[in-house]
């Protein structure tokens, strides 16, 4: 996973891909070592070959194609949003090594956005113009995803001052790196990759998403290290405050307006997996047990609310 070229990434087994981010996180890499990883793990969005994907896309079962289309739309919005919001995080970072590393993440977000633009145009038929494609994509995201994006934008916009505060930077890293990147993006990338077997009908799509997942491992590892330092600096309250607000939205990120009973049941399964991911990250950070319980209770209340959505869908 660490050393494979783009053409080799799509053939890697799903279990290697799923465990990669945790392997990187557990090494507790420095910003400099993450920079070195970035130099060694370059790939090109323009070189992802989609010829077989294009011929196979229309032959996919309608249900499978619909789920993949929803994922690609979400990633188009998410990657462009990440590209749009990362600059304030970079400019407000507290040390020079972080500044150099976050420059690489900005380059990654540009590459991911370009790949999503290609997939949206070539597979989904959206306009090959972000200014035209993004409004249509925004209309298709879920209410929780929209609300989470608004909160993320608000937290990061606080950094656009002459002297941004460290606590505001930690809050922004919490939502951007832990919630959006570590919980939501990694889960969705792994889900998509696991649904496409190596050498299957959509090899370009799989290779591109495995490459993105490898990039995401670096992003998440950086965020975890920054937040561990934040805990050392006494910022647990700020981190937990953001998590208690955003993780309850994150677990419901797949809940559409007016869902059917079957869709609510599927959202509940995904919500359980996302909750487990959030709990695991809090444990890896070393957040206190009482603070973790506070966040878990907030997520549980959100998941319990799905019962009301299921009742409405059956009435």
Foldseek 3Di string as FASTA:
>chain_A
DLQDALLCLLQDDLVCLLCVLVVLLVVLDDLVVLVVSLVRQDDALVPLDFPLVLVCQVVDPPVVNVVVVLLLLVQLQLLVLCLVLLVLLLVQDDDDSSNVSSVSVNVLSVRSNVNSLCCCCRRVVADSDCVRRNVVSVVSFAPLVVVLSVVLNVLSVQSPDPHRDPLSSLLNLLSVQVQSLQQQLLVSLSVVLNVAHRPGSGSSVNSSSSSSSNSSSSSNSNSLSSVLVVVVVVNLVSSLVSLLPNLLSSLQRQPHPLDALVSLVVSLVSSVSSLVSNLVSCVSSPRDPVSSVSSSVSNVVSSVCSVVSHVVNVD
